Amino acid sequence: MLKTNEDRLVKISVGIVVHSNPVTSGHGPRVTTLFTSSTGKIVPRIDPDANIAKILNLRKDL
């Protein structure tokens, strides 16, 4: 379990790994958190085809 700045336990977080070609320092790969649940109501599921660009129809080649 993770501890947040408020010293609460976070049982699960859902995020997106963001990667770009940065031209300045500090703007490279990172994780953007989308959802968190301190009560455990988010149930993880492994999906090998998961791709946010595919889900949002951002690319036709996926």
Protein backbone atom coordinates (compact mmCIF):
# COMPACT_ATOMS: atom_id res chain seq x y z
CA MET A 1 0.00 0.00 0.00
CA LEU A 2 1.12 3.53 -0.76
CA LYS A 3 1.02 6.47 1.61
CA THR A 4 -0.12 9.81 0.21
CA ASN A 5 0.89 13.26 1.43
CA GLU A 6 -2.21 13.27 3.64
CA ASP A 7 -0.90 10.07 5.28
CA ARG A 8 -3.89 8.05 4.02
CA LEU A 9 -3.50 4.59 2.54
CA VAL A 10 -4.19 4.27 -1.17
CA LYS A 11 -5.04 0.71 -2.11
CA ILE A 12 -4.96 1.09 -5.89
CA SER A 13 -4.15 3.65 -8.55
CA VAL A 14 -4.80 3.59 -12.30
CA GLY A 15 -2.55 5.62 -14.54
CA ILE A 16 -1.08 6.13 -17.98
CA VAL A 17 2.63 5.91 -18.75
CA VAL A 18 3.49 8.99 -20.80
CA HIS A 19 6.61 9.06 -22.95
CA SER A 20 7.81 11.82 -25.24
CA ASN A 21 10.95 13.13 -26.89
CA PRO A 22 11.72 16.04 -24.58
CA VAL A 23 13.67 19.05 -25.79
CA THR A 24 14.15 20.38 -22.26
CA SER A 25 15.16 18.72 -19.03
CA GLY A 26 12.38 17.33 -16.82
CA HIS A 27 9.83 16.65 -19.56
CA GLY A 28 10.48 12.97 -20.28
CA PRO A 29 8.68 9.76 -19.30
CA ARG A 30 6.23 9.91 -16.41
CA VAL A 31 3.08 8.32 -15.01
CA THR A 32 -0.14 10.32 -14.94
CA THR A 33 -2.61 9.08 -12.31
CA LEU A 34 -6.21 8.87 -13.55
CA PHE A 35 -8.05 7.20 -10.65
CA THR A 36 -7.32 6.14 -7.08
CA SER A 37 -9.38 4.21 -4.55
CA SER A 38 -8.76 4.20 -0.83
CA THR A 39 -11.61 1.72 -0.32
CA GLY A 40 -10.49 -0.90 -2.83
CA LYS A 41 -13.45 -0.46 -5.20
CA ILE A 42 -11.23 -0.53 -8.29
CA VAL A 43 -10.54 -4.12 -9.32
CA PRO A 44 -7.45 -4.60 -11.52
CA ARG A 45 -7.71 -6.60 -14.74
CA ILE A 46 -4.79 -7.51 -16.99
CA ASP A 47 -5.52 -6.78 -20.66
CA PRO A 48 -2.58 -7.36 -23.04
CA ASP A 49 -4.40 -5.31 -25.71
CA ALA A 50 -4.98 -2.28 -23.48
CA ASN A 51 -4.00 0.92 -25.26
CA ILE A 52 -5.52 4.33 -24.50
CA ALA A 53 -5.05 5.47 -28.12
CA LYS A 54 -7.06 2.43 -29.26
CA ILE A 55 -9.80 2.95 -26.66
CA LEU A 56 -10.18 6.64 -27.62
CA ASN A 57 -9.87 5.91 -31.38
CA LEU A 58 -6.87 8.23 -31.71
CA ARG A 59 -5.02 6.03 -34.21
CA LYS A 60 -6.41 4.01 -37.10
CA ASP A 61 -3.47 1.56 -37.17
CA LEU A 62 -4.35 0.00 -33.78
